[in-house]
Amino acid sequence: MPAKVNIECCTACGSCAEECPVGAITVEIYAVVNEDECIECGACETACPDNCIKVE
């Protein structure tokens, strides 16, 4: 499954978008994952300082 962002804790810091190797994440009010582009690598999950992203 593609990465899922918990919008309740996301601070829109952009760390996940910076680490995404395919550019599947945009940051506005919170991070948004383009599920069609996500390759489920987990880089965003590791990069998130608030543990708001999970790849299952």
N, C-alpha and C. Protein backbone atom coordinates (compact mmCIF):
# COMPACT_ATOMS: atom_id res chain seq x y z
N MET A 1 0.83 -1.19 0.00
CA MET A 1 0.00 0.00 0.00
C MET A 1 0.87 1.25 0.00
N PRO A 2 0.44 2.27 -0.69
CA PRO A 2 1.19 3.53 -0.70
C PRO A 2 1.27 4.15 0.70
N ALA A 3 2.20 5.05 0.87
CA ALA A 3 2.37 5.75 2.14
C ALA A 3 1.10 6.51 2.50
N LYS A 4 0.81 6.53 3.80
CA LYS A 4 -0.34 7.26 4.32
C LYS A 4 0.15 8.30 5.32
N VAL A 5 -0.38 9.51 5.20
CA VAL A 5 0.01 10.61 6.09
C VAL A 5 -1.07 10.82 7.13
N ASN A 6 -0.66 10.88 8.39
CA ASN A 6 -1.59 11.23 9.47
C ASN A 6 -1.64 12.76 9.51
N ILE A 7 -2.70 13.32 8.96
CA ILE A 7 -2.78 14.78 8.86
C ILE A 7 -2.97 15.46 10.21
N GLU A 8 -3.30 14.69 11.23
CA GLU A 8 -3.46 15.26 12.57
C GLU A 8 -2.12 15.66 13.18
N CYS A 9 -1.04 15.00 12.77
CA CYS A 9 0.25 15.33 13.37
C CYS A 9 1.24 15.93 12.37
N CYS A 10 0.93 15.91 11.08
CA CYS A 10 1.85 16.45 10.07
C CYS A 10 2.00 17.95 10.24
N THR A 11 3.26 18.40 10.28
CA THR A 11 3.55 19.83 10.45
C THR A 11 3.98 20.48 9.14
N ALA A 12 3.91 19.74 8.04
CA ALA A 12 4.28 20.25 6.71
C ALA A 12 5.73 20.71 6.65
N CYS A 13 6.61 19.99 7.31
CA CYS A 13 8.02 20.38 7.34
C CYS A 13 8.71 20.11 6.00
N GLY A 14 8.20 19.15 5.23
CA GLY A 14 8.77 18.87 3.93
C GLY A 14 9.86 17.82 3.89
N SER A 15 10.23 17.28 5.03
CA SER A 15 11.29 16.26 5.06
C SER A 15 10.96 15.05 4.20
N CYS A 16 9.71 14.65 4.22
CA CYS A 16 9.29 13.48 3.44
C CYS A 16 9.41 13.76 1.94
N ALA A 17 9.00 14.93 1.52
CA ALA A 17 9.06 15.28 0.10
C ALA A 17 10.51 15.36 -0.39
N GLU A 18 11.39 15.84 0.46
CA GLU A 18 12.81 15.93 0.10
C GLU A 18 13.43 14.55 -0.09
N GLU A 19 12.98 13.58 0.67
CA GLU A 19 13.56 12.24 0.61
C GLU A 19 12.90 11.31 -0.40
N CYS A 20 11.72 11.66 -0.88
CA CYS A 20 11.01 10.79 -1.82
C CYS A 20 11.78 10.70 -3.14
N PRO A 21 12.23 9.49 -3.52
CA PRO A 21 13.04 9.37 -4.73
C PRO A 21 12.28 9.54 -6.04
N VAL A 22 10.95 9.49 -5.98
CA VAL A 22 10.15 9.62 -7.21
C VAL A 22 9.29 10.87 -7.22
N GLY A 23 9.42 11.73 -6.22
CA GLY A 23 8.66 12.98 -6.18
C GLY A 23 7.17 12.79 -6.02
N ALA A 24 6.78 11.78 -5.27
CA ALA A 24 5.36 11.46 -5.11
C ALA A 24 4.68 12.26 -4.00
N ILE A 25 5.42 13.13 -3.32
CA ILE A 25 4.85 13.86 -2.19
C ILE A 25 4.91 15.36 -2.44
N THR A 26 3.79 16.01 -2.21
CA THR A 26 3.73 17.47 -2.24
C THR A 26 3.35 17.93 -0.84
N VAL A 27 3.74 19.14 -0.50
CA VAL A 27 3.45 19.67 0.82
C VAL A 27 2.70 20.98 0.67
N GLU A 28 1.53 21.03 1.27
CA GLU A 28 0.73 22.25 1.30
C GLU A 28 0.44 22.54 2.76
N ILE A 29 -0.78 22.32 3.20
CA ILE A 29 -1.12 22.45 4.62
C ILE A 29 -0.56 21.26 5.37
N TYR A 30 -0.47 20.13 4.69
CA TYR A 30 0.15 18.91 5.19
C TYR A 30 0.67 18.14 3.98
N ALA A 31 1.45 17.11 4.22
CA ALA A 31 2.01 16.31 3.13
C ALA A 31 0.92 15.50 2.46
N VAL A 32 1.00 15.41 1.14
CA VAL A 32 0.03 14.64 0.36
C VAL A 32 0.82 13.69 -0.53
N VAL A 33 0.47 12.39 -0.45
CA VAL A 33 1.14 11.37 -1.24
C VAL A 33 0.30 11.06 -2.48
N ASN A 34 0.92 11.13 -3.64
CA ASN A 34 0.26 10.72 -4.87
C ASN A 34 0.37 9.20 -4.92
N GLU A 35 -0.73 8.52 -4.67
CA GLU A 35 -0.73 7.07 -4.55
C GLU A 35 -0.34 6.38 -5.85
N ASP A 36 -0.58 7.01 -6.98
CA ASP A 36 -0.22 6.41 -8.27
C ASP A 36 1.29 6.44 -8.52
N GLU A 37 1.98 7.38 -7.88
CA GLU A 37 3.42 7.52 -8.08
C GLU A 37 4.25 6.86 -6.96
N CYS A 38 3.65 6.65 -5.81
CA CYS A 38 4.37 6.09 -4.66
C CYS A 38 4.86 4.67 -4.97
N ILE A 39 6.15 4.42 -4.68
CA ILE A 39 6.73 3.10 -4.91
C ILE A 39 6.89 2.31 -3.61
N GLU A 40 6.35 2.83 -2.52
CA GLU A 40 6.32 2.16 -1.22
C GLU A 40 7.71 1.82 -0.69
N CYS A 41 8.67 2.71 -0.90
CA CYS A 41 10.04 2.45 -0.48
C CYS A 41 10.29 2.72 1.00
N GLY A 42 9.47 3.57 1.62
CA GLY A 42 9.63 3.87 3.04
C GLY A 42 10.55 5.03 3.36
N ALA A 43 11.11 5.67 2.35
CA ALA A 43 12.02 6.79 2.60
C ALA A 43 11.31 7.92 3.34
N CYS A 44 10.08 8.18 2.99
CA CYS A 44 9.32 9.25 3.65
C CYS A 44 9.04 8.91 5.11
N GLU A 45 8.73 7.65 5.35
CA GLU A 45 8.45 7.21 6.72
C GLU A 45 9.66 7.42 7.62
N THR A 46 10.82 7.08 7.10
CA THR A 46 12.07 7.24 7.84
C THR A 46 12.41 8.72 8.04
N ALA A 47 12.10 9.54 7.05
CA ALA A 47 12.46 10.96 7.10
C ALA A 47 11.57 11.79 8.02
N CYS A 48 10.36 11.34 8.27
CA CYS A 48 9.41 12.14 9.05
C CYS A 48 9.83 12.25 10.50
N PRO A 49 10.14 13.45 10.99
CA PRO A 49 10.59 13.60 12.39
C PRO A 49 9.47 13.41 13.41
N ASP A 50 8.23 13.47 12.94
CA ASP A 50 7.10 13.33 13.86
C ASP A 50 6.38 11.98 13.74
N ASN A 51 6.94 11.08 12.94
CA ASN A 51 6.35 9.74 12.72
C ASN A 51 4.91 9.81 12.26
N CYS A 52 4.64 10.68 11.30
CA CYS A 52 3.27 10.88 10.80
C CYS A 52 3.01 10.12 9.51
N ILE A 53 3.99 9.39 8.99
CA ILE A 53 3.81 8.66 7.74
C ILE A 53 4.07 7.18 7.97
N LYS A 54 3.18 6.37 7.45
CA LYS A 54 3.34 4.92 7.55
C LYS A 54 3.20 4.29 6.18
N VAL A 55 4.07 3.33 5.90
CA VAL A 55 3.99 2.53 4.69
C VAL A 55 3.69 1.11 5.15
N GLU A 56 2.55 0.60 4.74
CA GLU A 56 2.15 -0.74 5.21
C GLU A 56 2.28 -1.76 4.11
